[in-house]
């Protein structure tokens, strides 16, 4: 989570908060109230947006990769 937090802080300093990044990692989706922030984080490629019916899911794809691969290698974001 540390690398993700640093990346978001560098790319979106006015929107960054530790709590926001923590929620992105802990919960793969949020309601409309967080949509603006999540869309901005999606735009810097930390999250991926997936539409399911009328809902939007914001998925932390690097975390999902860690769950589905054999190694624990985390590929860093490109600055």
Protein backbone atom coordinates (compact mmCIF):
# COMPACT_ATOMS: atom_id res chain seq x y z
CA UNK A 1 0.00 0.00 0.00
CA UNK A 2 2.93 2.34 0.61
CA UNK A 3 3.94 2.53 -3.04
CA UNK A 4 0.35 3.18 -4.12
CA UNK A 5 -0.02 5.94 -1.51
CA UNK A 6 3.21 7.63 -2.64
CA UNK A 7 2.19 7.40 -6.30
CA UNK A 8 -1.25 8.94 -5.68
CA UNK A 9 0.29 11.67 -3.50
CA UNK A 10 2.77 12.56 -6.29
CA UNK A 11 0.16 12.54 -9.07
CA UNK A 12 -2.84 14.04 -7.20
CA UNK A 13 -1.41 16.02 -4.27
CA UNK A 14 -4.57 18.11 -3.76
CA UNK A 15 -6.79 15.00 -3.60
CA UNK A 16 -4.50 12.67 -1.67
CA UNK A 17 -5.40 11.40 1.76
CA UNK A 18 -4.19 8.30 3.52
CA UNK A 19 -7.81 7.33 4.23
CA UNK A 20 -8.74 7.51 0.53
CA UNK A 21 -5.88 5.24 -0.52
CA UNK A 22 -6.65 2.89 2.36
CA UNK A 23 -10.26 2.57 1.16
CA UNK A 24 -9.12 1.98 -2.42
CA UNK A 25 -7.07 -0.96 -1.21
CA UNK A 26 -9.63 -2.34 1.26
CA UNK A 27 -12.82 -1.89 -0.74
CA UNK A 28 -12.87 -2.37 -4.53
CA UNK A 29 -15.84 -0.03 -5.01
CA UNK A 30 -17.47 3.10 -3.65
CA UNK A 31 -20.71 5.01 -4.12
CA UNK A 32 -21.28 8.25 -6.01
CA UNK A 33 -19.88 10.40 -3.19
CA UNK A 34 -16.34 9.21 -3.97
CA UNK A 35 -16.81 8.96 -7.74
CA UNK A 36 -14.86 12.13 -8.58
CA UNK A 37 -11.81 11.08 -6.58
CA UNK A 38 -11.96 7.52 -7.82
CA UNK A 39 -12.23 8.70 -11.43
CA UNK A 40 -9.12 10.86 -10.98
CA UNK A 41 -7.25 7.94 -9.44
CA UNK A 42 -8.45 5.81 -12.38
CA UNK A 43 -7.08 8.45 -14.77
CA UNK A 44 -3.57 8.04 -13.32
CA UNK A 45 -3.96 4.25 -13.78
CA UNK A 46 -4.06 3.16 -10.14
CA UNK A 47 -7.63 1.90 -10.52
CA UNK A 48 -9.61 0.34 -13.33
CA UNK A 49 -13.28 1.11 -13.77
CA UNK A 50 -15.66 -1.72 -14.56
CA UNK A 51 -19.36 -1.24 -15.15
CA UNK A 52 -21.66 -3.90 -13.73
CA UNK A 53 -25.27 -3.06 -14.49
CA UNK A 54 -25.81 0.48 -13.26
CA UNK A 55 -22.89 0.34 -10.84
CA UNK A 56 -19.27 1.31 -11.40
CA UNK A 57 -16.62 -0.77 -9.69
CA UNK A 58 -13.18 0.73 -9.19
CA UNK A 59 -10.67 -2.09 -8.95
CA UNK A 60 -7.08 -1.81 -7.73
CA UNK A 61 -5.72 -4.02 -10.51
CA UNK A 62 -2.19 -4.41 -9.11
CA UNK A 63 -3.63 -5.73 -5.86
CA UNK A 64 -5.88 -8.10 -7.81
CA UNK A 65 -2.80 -9.37 -9.68
CA UNK A 66 -1.08 -10.11 -6.37
CA UNK A 67 -4.04 -12.28 -5.36
CA UNK A 68 -4.05 -14.22 -8.62
CA UNK A 69 -0.35 -14.86 -9.27
CA UNK A 70 2.12 -17.21 -7.65
CA UNK A 71 4.74 -14.59 -6.78
CA UNK A 72 4.43 -11.58 -4.48
CA UNK A 73 6.12 -9.24 -6.96
CA UNK A 74 4.51 -5.78 -7.13
CA UNK A 75 5.33 -3.91 -10.31
CA UNK A 76 5.84 -0.22 -9.57
CA UNK A 77 3.86 2.51 -11.30
CA UNK A 78 5.56 4.57 -14.00
CA UNK A 79 6.02 8.18 -12.90
